[in-house]
Structures are given as structure tokens and as C-alpha cells.
Amino acid sequence: MSALWTAVVILTLAASLGAQTAAPKPTTALPRTATASDSPCAAGGRRQLEEEITEINKDIGGMTARVTMLRSNAGIVQDSAVRSALQIDSDLWLSLIANMRRRAERLQTQLDACDAGKPVTTGEKPPQ
């Protein structure tokens, strides 16, 4: 019975974590300097940067709390295979959280560059 309960907990946590995040889109573009017309600082872009940073940080907080719950549950599970699966799952979520933190830091760097009036480096492809 405990294995069934554990499976339900795992599926519930995975579903709740998965519902909050979407897989990041990979990019292979080289950094470039934005022009004045496509700068994140222009035309309300600064506000969008601030909103995205706030949203990412909110998601990070919620996901971190859930990963803590996941790790806690892994500590009380008797079945070693289930415990191992929970630990691996939490490690994967922690790597996603680290990726999100790096993205928030890049966005904050862009925002700081806007404030300083410096050119902003983006990861977007140049227009062709």
C-alpha cells in the first residue's frame, strides 16, 4: 500500500511542478548588440524585463519549496528504488531552477545596462 501512496505523491508533485513551467526553448544564436529600435530599453521593454524577472523569481520560489517537499518525501520512503527516483527527480528540478536563476541574472544584467545607458547584449539572431 505504501508503494501506491508513494507513486501517487510522485505523480502529484511532478504534475504540479510540470504545470508551472514550460521547457525553455534552446537557442544557438550568438550574442549581438541591440539597436535602439529593438533595444529592451525602448518602448516599454524595461517594464517587460522587470515583469519577467519578477515572474521567474516567483516561479523559482514555488518550485524550490516543492523540491524541498520532494526531497523530504524521499527521506521517509522505505522503498530504495522509489527513494532513488525521488532524489533523481529533485536533482533534475534543481537543475531547471538553476537555469531559471541564470536567465533571471541575464535579464537583470540587461535591465542594469538599460539603467546605465549601455548597449544591451541579447541572445537573439540578427535580422536578415
Foldseek 3Di string as FASTA:
>chain_A
DLVVVLVVVVVVLVVVLPVLDDDDDDADFDKDWDDPVPQCLPDCSLVVLVVLLVSLVVSLVVLVVSLVVLLVVLVPDPDVVSSVVSVVVSVVSVVVSVVSVVVSVLSVVSSVCSVVVHTRIDRDHDDD
